[in-house]
Amino acid sequence: MINMLMIATIVVIVYDMTDAPDRLFKPLLWHLLKGWKTPYRYFEFKPLDCSLCCSIYCNALYILITNHFTLLAILIMFLIAICTPLIKDTLYLLMDLYQRLINAIQKLINKI
């Protein structure tokens, strides 16, 4: 279960906190499907367009590879996928707390 949670966290970081899918994956996929001479236009790649869907697919692939394909594993997979907005908010909170800690340390150093 912890591995599936880590997979969901990595998916949230890649899909929600960076622009990697929109700036890297989609143009590459567009040019591979349409040809390199065709100009790129934004499109939605529905099965893998959001962190929730991609988390489900990545965790399903993990369950299949590790031979843990049970009803309980599927239930945990969907529960973790539903929690992707919570994971994103928690990561933003941790980033904010880390930034405040760095700022406090810099203020202490500047006083010395």
N, C-alpha and C. Protein backbone atom coordinates (compact mmCIF):
# COMPACT_ATOMS: atom_id res chain seq x y z
N MET A 1 0.82 -1.19 0.00
CA MET A 1 0.00 0.00 0.00
C MET A 1 0.87 1.26 0.00
N ILE A 2 1.97 1.24 0.74
CA ILE A 2 2.83 2.42 0.79
C ILE A 2 3.44 2.68 -0.58
N ASN A 3 3.72 1.62 -1.33
CA ASN A 3 4.27 1.80 -2.67
C ASN A 3 3.25 2.48 -3.58
N MET A 4 1.99 2.10 -3.45
CA MET A 4 0.95 2.73 -4.27
C MET A 4 0.77 4.19 -3.89
N LEU A 5 0.93 4.51 -2.62
CA LEU A 5 0.85 5.90 -2.18
C LEU A 5 2.03 6.71 -2.72
N MET A 6 3.21 6.10 -2.75
CA MET A 6 4.37 6.79 -3.32
C MET A 6 4.22 6.99 -4.82
N ILE A 7 3.64 6.02 -5.51
CA ILE A 7 3.39 6.18 -6.95
C ILE A 7 2.42 7.32 -7.18
N ALA A 8 1.36 7.39 -6.37
CA ALA A 8 0.39 8.48 -6.51
C ALA A 8 1.05 9.84 -6.21
N THR A 9 1.94 9.89 -5.25
CA THR A 9 2.63 11.14 -4.93
C THR A 9 3.53 11.58 -6.08
N ILE A 10 4.23 10.64 -6.69
CA ILE A 10 5.07 10.98 -7.84
C ILE A 10 4.22 11.47 -9.00
N VAL A 11 3.08 10.82 -9.22
CA VAL A 11 2.18 11.24 -10.30
C VAL A 11 1.65 12.64 -10.04
N VAL A 12 1.29 12.94 -8.80
CA VAL A 12 0.80 14.28 -8.45
C VAL A 12 1.89 15.32 -8.68
N ILE A 13 3.11 15.00 -8.30
CA ILE A 13 4.20 15.95 -8.51
C ILE A 13 4.40 16.22 -10.00
N VAL A 14 4.39 15.17 -10.80
CA VAL A 14 4.63 15.33 -12.24
C VAL A 14 3.46 16.04 -12.92
N TYR A 15 2.23 15.66 -12.61
CA TYR A 15 1.08 16.19 -13.34
C TYR A 15 0.57 17.51 -12.80
N ASP A 16 0.56 17.68 -11.48
CA ASP A 16 -0.07 18.87 -10.91
C ASP A 16 0.92 19.97 -10.53
N MET A 17 2.13 19.61 -10.18
CA MET A 17 3.06 20.61 -9.67
C MET A 17 4.10 21.04 -10.71
N THR A 18 4.16 20.35 -11.82
CA THR A 18 5.05 20.75 -12.91
C THR A 18 4.23 20.85 -14.20
N ASP A 19 4.82 21.41 -15.21
CA ASP A 19 4.15 21.48 -16.51
C ASP A 19 4.69 20.44 -17.47
N ALA A 20 5.24 19.36 -16.95
CA ALA A 20 5.86 18.36 -17.81
C ALA A 20 4.89 17.74 -18.82
N PRO A 21 3.67 17.37 -18.43
CA PRO A 21 2.78 16.79 -19.44
C PRO A 21 2.43 17.77 -20.56
N ASP A 22 2.16 19.02 -20.21
CA ASP A 22 1.76 19.99 -21.24
C ASP A 22 2.93 20.48 -22.07
N ARG A 23 4.11 20.53 -21.51
CA ARG A 23 5.26 21.09 -22.23
C ARG A 23 6.15 20.05 -22.87
N LEU A 24 6.11 18.81 -22.38
CA LEU A 24 7.03 17.80 -22.88
C LEU A 24 6.31 16.61 -23.51
N PHE A 25 5.43 15.97 -22.74
CA PHE A 25 4.83 14.73 -23.21
C PHE A 25 3.84 14.93 -24.35
N LYS A 26 2.97 15.91 -24.21
CA LYS A 26 1.95 16.11 -25.24
C LYS A 26 2.52 16.55 -26.58
N PRO A 27 3.47 17.50 -26.62
CA PRO A 27 4.05 17.82 -27.94
C PRO A 27 4.80 16.64 -28.56
N LEU A 28 5.49 15.87 -27.72
CA LEU A 28 6.19 14.70 -28.25
C LEU A 28 5.21 13.69 -28.81
N LEU A 29 4.13 13.42 -28.08
CA LEU A 29 3.11 12.49 -28.55
C LEU A 29 2.43 13.01 -29.81
N TRP A 30 2.17 14.32 -29.86
CA TRP A 30 1.55 14.93 -31.04
C TRP A 30 2.42 14.71 -32.28
N HIS A 31 3.69 14.98 -32.15
CA HIS A 31 4.59 14.84 -33.30
C HIS A 31 4.81 13.38 -33.68
N LEU A 32 4.76 12.48 -32.71
CA LEU A 32 4.89 11.07 -33.05
C LEU A 32 3.66 10.55 -33.79
N LEU A 33 2.48 11.05 -33.41
CA LEU A 33 1.24 10.59 -34.05
C LEU A 33 0.95 11.31 -35.37
N LYS A 34 1.21 12.61 -35.44
CA LYS A 34 0.83 13.41 -36.60
C LYS A 34 1.98 13.67 -37.57
N GLY A 35 3.18 13.45 -37.14
CA GLY A 35 4.33 13.75 -37.98
C GLY A 35 5.05 14.99 -37.50
N TRP A 36 6.32 15.08 -37.80
CA TRP A 36 7.14 16.17 -37.29
C TRP A 36 6.88 17.48 -38.01
N LYS A 37 6.31 17.44 -39.22
CA LYS A 37 6.08 18.68 -39.96
C LYS A 37 4.75 19.34 -39.59
N THR A 38 3.89 18.62 -38.91
CA THR A 38 2.59 19.17 -38.51
C THR A 38 2.78 20.07 -37.30
N PRO A 39 2.29 21.32 -37.36
CA PRO A 39 2.45 22.21 -36.20
C PRO A 39 1.64 21.71 -35.00
N TYR A 40 2.19 21.94 -33.83
CA TYR A 40 1.56 21.44 -32.60
C TYR A 40 0.37 22.30 -32.22
N ARG A 41 -0.73 21.63 -31.88
CA ARG A 41 -1.91 22.26 -31.30
C ARG A 41 -2.22 21.55 -29.99
N TYR A 42 -2.68 22.31 -29.00
CA TYR A 42 -3.00 21.72 -27.71
C TYR A 42 -4.14 20.72 -27.88
N PHE A 43 -4.03 19.59 -27.21
CA PHE A 43 -5.09 18.59 -27.21
C PHE A 43 -5.13 17.93 -25.84
N GLU A 44 -6.23 17.28 -25.56
CA GLU A 44 -6.38 16.58 -24.30
C GLU A 44 -6.26 15.09 -24.54
N PHE A 45 -5.35 14.48 -23.85
CA PHE A 45 -5.13 13.05 -23.95
C PHE A 45 -5.88 12.42 -22.78
N LYS A 46 -7.18 12.16 -22.99
CA LYS A 46 -8.11 11.86 -21.91
C LYS A 46 -7.69 10.75 -20.93
N PRO A 47 -7.20 9.62 -21.35
CA PRO A 47 -6.92 8.61 -20.31
C PRO A 47 -5.81 9.01 -19.35
N LEU A 48 -4.90 9.85 -19.79
CA LEU A 48 -3.76 10.21 -18.94
C LEU A 48 -3.64 11.72 -18.78
N ASP A 49 -4.75 12.41 -18.73
CA ASP A 49 -4.72 13.87 -18.71
C ASP A 49 -4.70 14.47 -17.31
N CYS A 50 -5.10 13.72 -16.30
CA CYS A 50 -5.12 14.28 -14.94
C CYS A 50 -4.41 13.33 -13.99
N SER A 51 -4.06 13.83 -12.83
CA SER A 51 -3.31 13.01 -11.87
C SER A 51 -4.16 11.87 -11.32
N LEU A 52 -5.45 12.07 -11.20
CA LEU A 52 -6.32 11.01 -10.69
C LEU A 52 -6.32 9.82 -11.64
N CYS A 53 -6.54 10.09 -12.93
CA CYS A 53 -6.58 9.00 -13.93
C CYS A 53 -5.22 8.33 -14.06
N CYS A 54 -4.18 9.13 -14.14
CA CYS A 54 -2.84 8.57 -14.29
C CYS A 54 -2.43 7.78 -13.06
N SER A 55 -2.86 8.20 -11.89
CA SER A 55 -2.59 7.45 -10.67
C SER A 55 -3.26 6.09 -10.71
N ILE A 56 -4.49 6.04 -11.20
CA ILE A 56 -5.19 4.76 -11.32
C ILE A 56 -4.43 3.84 -12.27
N TYR A 57 -4.05 4.36 -13.43
CA TYR A 57 -3.37 3.51 -14.42
C TYR A 57 -1.99 3.06 -13.94
N CYS A 58 -1.23 3.94 -13.33
CA CYS A 58 0.10 3.57 -12.84
C CYS A 58 0.00 2.55 -11.71
N ASN A 59 -0.95 2.74 -10.80
CA ASN A 59 -1.11 1.78 -9.71
C ASN A 59 -1.66 0.46 -10.21
N ALA A 60 -2.53 0.48 -11.21
CA ALA A 60 -3.03 -0.77 -11.79
C ALA A 60 -1.89 -1.55 -12.44
N LEU A 61 -1.03 -0.82 -13.12
CA LEU A 61 0.14 -1.46 -13.72
C LEU A 61 1.05 -2.04 -12.63
N TYR A 62 1.24 -1.31 -11.55
CA TYR A 62 2.04 -1.81 -10.43
C TYR A 62 1.42 -3.07 -9.83
N ILE A 63 0.11 -3.07 -9.64
CA ILE A 63 -0.57 -4.25 -9.08
C ILE A 63 -0.41 -5.45 -10.00
N LEU A 64 -0.52 -5.24 -11.30
CA LEU A 64 -0.36 -6.34 -12.24
C LEU A 64 1.07 -6.87 -12.26
N ILE A 65 2.05 -5.98 -12.21
CA ILE A 65 3.45 -6.41 -12.27
C ILE A 65 3.84 -7.18 -11.01
N THR A 66 3.35 -6.75 -9.87
CA THR A 66 3.75 -7.39 -8.61
C THR A 66 2.86 -8.58 -8.23
N ASN A 67 1.90 -8.93 -9.08
CA ASN A 67 1.00 -10.08 -8.86
C ASN A 67 0.19 -9.95 -7.57
N HIS A 68 -0.25 -8.74 -7.26
CA HIS A 68 -1.12 -8.51 -6.10
C HIS A 68 -2.51 -8.09 -6.55
N PHE A 69 -2.97 -8.65 -7.62
CA PHE A 69 -4.26 -8.25 -8.20
C PHE A 69 -5.39 -8.90 -7.41
N THR A 70 -5.82 -8.21 -6.35
CA THR A 70 -6.94 -8.68 -5.53
C THR A 70 -7.97 -7.56 -5.43
N LEU A 71 -9.11 -7.92 -4.92
CA LEU A 71 -10.17 -6.92 -4.76
C LEU A 71 -9.75 -5.84 -3.76
N LEU A 72 -9.05 -6.23 -2.72
CA LEU A 72 -8.57 -5.26 -1.73
C LEU A 72 -7.56 -4.30 -2.35
N ALA A 73 -6.67 -4.81 -3.19
CA ALA A 73 -5.69 -3.94 -3.84
C ALA A 73 -6.37 -2.97 -4.79
N ILE A 74 -7.40 -3.41 -5.48
CA ILE A 74 -8.14 -2.51 -6.38
C ILE A 74 -8.85 -1.43 -5.57
N LEU A 75 -9.43 -1.81 -4.44
CA LEU A 75 -10.10 -0.84 -3.58
C LEU A 75 -9.10 0.20 -3.06
N ILE A 76 -7.94 -0.25 -2.61
CA ILE A 76 -6.92 0.67 -2.12
C ILE A 76 -6.45 1.58 -3.25
N MET A 77 -6.31 1.02 -4.45
CA MET A 77 -5.89 1.81 -5.61
C MET A 77 -6.87 2.96 -5.87
N PHE A 78 -8.17 2.67 -5.84
CA PHE A 78 -9.15 3.72 -6.09
C PHE A 78 -9.24 4.72 -4.94
N LEU A 79 -9.07 4.26 -3.70
CA LEU A 79 -9.08 5.18 -2.57
C LEU A 79 -7.89 6.14 -2.62
N ILE A 80 -6.73 5.62 -3.00
CA ILE A 80 -5.56 6.49 -3.13
C ILE A 80 -5.75 7.46 -4.28
N ALA A 81 -6.37 7.01 -5.37
CA ALA A 81 -6.60 7.90 -6.51
C ALA A 81 -7.56 9.03 -6.14
N ILE A 82 -8.55 8.73 -5.34
CA ILE A 82 -9.48 9.77 -4.91
C ILE A 82 -8.77 10.80 -4.02
N CYS A 83 -7.73 10.38 -3.33
CA CYS A 83 -6.99 11.26 -2.43
C CYS A 83 -5.93 12.10 -3.13
N THR A 84 -5.83 12.07 -4.45
CA THR A 84 -4.79 12.85 -5.12
C THR A 84 -4.93 14.36 -4.89
N PRO A 85 -6.14 14.94 -4.82
CA PRO A 85 -6.19 16.37 -4.46
C PRO A 85 -5.66 16.65 -3.05
N LEU A 86 -5.92 15.73 -2.13
CA LEU A 86 -5.41 15.88 -0.77
C LEU A 86 -3.88 15.76 -0.76
N ILE A 87 -3.35 14.86 -1.56
CA ILE A 87 -1.90 14.71 -1.66
C ILE A 87 -1.28 15.99 -2.21
N LYS A 88 -1.92 16.57 -3.23
CA LYS A 88 -1.41 17.82 -3.81
C LYS A 88 -1.43 18.94 -2.79
N ASP A 89 -2.52 19.09 -2.06
CA ASP A 89 -2.61 20.14 -1.05
C ASP A 89 -1.57 19.93 0.07
N THR A 90 -1.35 18.69 0.46
CA THR A 90 -0.36 18.39 1.49
C THR A 90 1.05 18.74 1.01
N LEU A 91 1.34 18.43 -0.25
CA LEU A 91 2.66 18.77 -0.79
C LEU A 91 2.86 20.28 -0.85
N TYR A 92 1.83 21.02 -1.25
CA TYR A 92 1.95 22.48 -1.26
C TYR A 92 2.13 23.02 0.16
N LEU A 93 1.45 22.43 1.13
CA LEU A 93 1.60 22.85 2.53
C LEU A 93 3.03 22.59 3.00
N LEU A 94 3.57 21.41 2.67
CA LEU A 94 4.95 21.10 3.06
C LEU A 94 5.94 22.04 2.39
N MET A 95 5.69 22.39 1.13
CA MET A 95 6.57 23.35 0.46
C MET A 95 6.53 24.70 1.14
N ASP A 96 5.34 25.14 1.54
CA ASP A 96 5.20 26.43 2.21
C ASP A 96 5.90 26.41 3.58
N LEU A 97 5.71 25.33 4.33
CA LEU A 97 6.38 25.23 5.63
C LEU A 97 7.89 25.19 5.48
N TYR A 98 8.37 24.48 4.48
CA TYR A 98 9.81 24.42 4.22
C TYR A 98 10.35 25.81 3.86
N GLN A 99 9.62 26.56 3.06
CA GLN A 99 10.05 27.91 2.68
C GLN A 99 10.07 28.84 3.89
N ARG A 100 9.07 28.71 4.77
CA ARG A 100 9.06 29.53 5.98
C ARG A 100 10.22 29.18 6.90
N LEU A 101 10.55 27.90 6.98
CA LEU A 101 11.69 27.47 7.79
C LEU A 101 12.99 28.04 7.23
N ILE A 102 13.16 27.99 5.94
CA ILE A 102 14.36 28.55 5.31
C ILE A 102 14.45 30.05 5.56
N ASN A 103 13.32 30.75 5.44
CA ASN A 103 13.31 32.20 5.70
C ASN A 103 13.66 32.51 7.15
N ALA A 104 13.15 31.72 8.10
CA ALA A 104 13.47 31.93 9.52
C ALA A 104 14.95 31.69 9.78
N ILE A 105 15.51 30.67 9.16
CA ILE A 105 16.95 30.39 9.34
C ILE A 105 17.78 31.52 8.75
N GLN A 106 17.37 32.04 7.59
CA GLN A 106 18.10 33.16 6.98
C GLN A 106 18.04 34.40 7.85
N LYS A 107 16.90 34.66 8.48
CA LYS A 107 16.79 35.82 9.38
C LYS A 107 17.70 35.65 10.59
N LEU A 108 17.78 34.43 11.13
CA LEU A 108 18.66 34.18 12.26
C LEU A 108 20.13 34.36 11.86
N ILE A 109 20.47 33.91 10.69
CA ILE A 109 21.85 34.05 10.22
C ILE A 109 22.19 35.52 10.00
N ASN A 110 21.25 36.28 9.45
CA ASN A 110 21.48 37.70 9.19
C ASN A 110 21.64 38.50 10.48
N LYS A 111 20.99 38.06 11.57
CA LYS A 111 21.12 38.75 12.85
C LYS A 111 22.50 38.53 13.48
N ILE A 112 23.10 37.42 13.16
CA ILE A 112 24.41 37.09 13.75
C ILE A 112 25.47 37.80 13.05
